[in-house]
Protein backbone atom coordinates (compact mmCIF):
# COMPACT_ATOMS: atom_id res chain seq x y z
CA MET A 1 107.10 110.99 109.54
CA LEU A 2 106.52 111.63 105.82
CA SER A 3 105.33 114.91 104.76
CA TYR A 4 102.37 116.24 102.88
CA ASN A 5 101.05 118.53 100.79
CA LYS A 6 98.30 120.57 103.33
CA SER A 7 96.18 121.43 100.19
CA LEU A 8 95.13 117.85 99.78
CA LYS A 9 93.70 117.76 102.87
CA GLN A 10 90.18 118.62 102.17
CA PHE A 11 90.26 116.70 98.71
CA SER A 12 91.63 113.67 100.76
CA ARG A 13 88.34 114.19 103.05
CA ASN A 14 85.67 114.19 100.17
CA LEU A 15 87.48 110.93 98.70
CA ARG A 16 86.81 109.07 101.98
CA LYS A 17 83.68 110.28 102.25
CA ASN A 18 83.30 109.00 98.26
CA MET A 19 84.97 105.64 97.65
CA THR A 20 84.30 103.57 94.89
CA ASP A 21 82.54 99.98 95.67
CA ALA A 22 85.79 98.44 95.37
CA GLU A 23 87.78 100.70 98.21
CA ILE A 24 84.86 100.08 100.25
CA LEU A 25 84.97 96.51 100.08
CA LEU A 26 88.72 96.30 100.25
CA TRP A 27 88.39 98.96 103.59
CA SER A 28 85.94 96.37 105.05
CA ARG A 29 89.00 93.71 105.11
CA ILE A 30 91.74 95.96 105.86
CA ARG A 31 90.28 98.46 108.36
CA ARG A 32 90.56 97.68 112.37
CA LYS A 33 93.81 96.21 112.19
CA GLN A 34 92.24 93.33 110.38
CA LEU A 35 95.48 92.15 108.85
CA LYS A 36 98.12 91.21 111.04
CA GLY A 37 97.04 93.63 113.57
CA LEU A 38 98.35 96.79 111.28
CA GLN A 39 96.65 100.06 111.12
CA PHE A 40 95.62 101.17 107.57
CA TYR A 41 94.83 104.49 106.91
CA ARG A 42 92.22 105.26 103.84
CA GLN A 43 92.92 108.26 101.42
CA LYS A 44 96.35 109.36 102.86
CA THR A 45 98.28 112.25 101.56
CA ILE A 46 101.56 111.39 101.08
CA GLY A 47 104.00 113.76 99.55
CA ASN A 48 101.87 115.62 96.73
CA TYR A 49 99.76 112.65 96.16
CA ILE A 50 97.15 110.80 98.01
CA VAL A 51 97.13 106.94 98.47
CA ASP A 52 94.18 104.46 98.25
CA PHE A 53 95.15 102.96 101.35
CA TYR A 54 98.29 103.00 103.76
CA CYS A 55 100.01 101.12 106.59
CA PRO A 56 102.63 103.13 107.79
CA LYS A 57 104.59 100.26 109.96
CA SER A 58 104.81 98.11 107.00
CA LYS A 59 105.78 100.98 104.85
CA LEU A 60 102.87 99.88 102.19
CA VAL A 61 100.93 101.47 99.77
CA ILE A 62 97.63 99.78 98.24
CA GLU A 63 96.37 101.27 95.04
CA VAL A 64 92.48 100.28 93.39
CA ASP A 65 92.61 101.03 89.81
CA GLY A 66 89.88 101.95 88.07
CA GLY A 67 89.66 102.44 84.02
CA GLN A 68 91.23 105.49 83.91
CA HIS A 69 94.53 103.85 85.32
CA TYR A 70 95.15 101.68 82.47
CA SER A 71 95.17 104.74 79.75
CA ALA A 72 98.74 105.88 78.36
CA GLU A 73 98.58 109.38 80.33
CA GLY A 74 97.23 107.51 83.64
CA LYS A 75 99.82 104.31 83.49
CA ASP A 76 102.98 107.26 83.09
CA LYS A 77 101.20 109.15 86.18
CA ASP A 78 101.35 105.87 88.06
CA HIS A 79 105.05 105.36 87.20
CA ILE A 80 105.70 108.55 88.35
CA ARG A 81 104.02 108.18 91.72
CA ASP A 82 105.39 104.61 92.38
CA ASP A 83 108.50 106.09 91.89
CA HIS A 84 107.93 108.94 94.75
CA MET A 85 106.91 106.41 97.15
CA LYS A 86 109.89 104.05 96.18
CA LYS A 87 112.21 106.64 96.93
CA ASN A 88 110.59 107.10 100.11
CA GLY A 89 111.08 103.32 101.02
CA ILE A 90 107.04 102.48 100.52
CA LEU A 91 106.20 99.68 98.33
CA VAL A 92 103.08 99.61 96.30
CA LEU A 93 100.59 97.32 95.84
CA ARG A 94 98.13 97.73 92.64
CA PHE A 95 94.97 95.54 92.27
CA SER A 96 92.23 96.77 89.54
CA ASP A 97 88.45 97.48 90.83
CA ARG A 98 87.69 94.26 89.36
CA ASP A 99 90.45 92.11 91.07
CA VAL A 100 89.19 93.40 94.59
CA LEU A 101 85.41 93.44 93.31
CA LYS A 102 85.49 89.37 92.44
CA ARG A 103 88.65 88.11 94.32
CA ILE A 104 89.11 89.70 97.47
CA ASN A 105 90.40 86.78 98.95
CA THR A 106 93.17 86.66 96.50
CA VAL A 107 93.94 89.96 96.91
CA ILE A 108 93.54 89.82 100.69
CA GLU A 109 96.35 87.07 100.44
CA LYS A 110 99.01 88.80 98.38
CA ILE A 111 98.50 91.99 101.04
CA TRP A 112 98.74 89.41 104.06
CA ARG A 113 102.05 88.50 102.50
CA GLU A 114 103.55 91.60 101.73
CA LEU A 115 102.70 92.93 105.55
């Protein structure tokens, strides 16, 4: 079981209640074990981070990135976060919110291949 920062629990709940359109669309396609019968969790706390979606059996994190992730600061933070996940044996897949909204089937195919 992965450790997590308990102080992020309420923030994680708030994020689940206020998902972006892209997150809602992706969630509708991966929830309820729709992909290979595997369970995903949304806005899951891992360490000091909250990831968009996490599949514990596959040790797979899926991130849906909005514009803030493409700034220099955003890229640096994502790199540090991805390194933390990698050290815990977790693969991170990143998709832009635009890709999720406009090419959901391609996104699902990429996730399917990683599972």
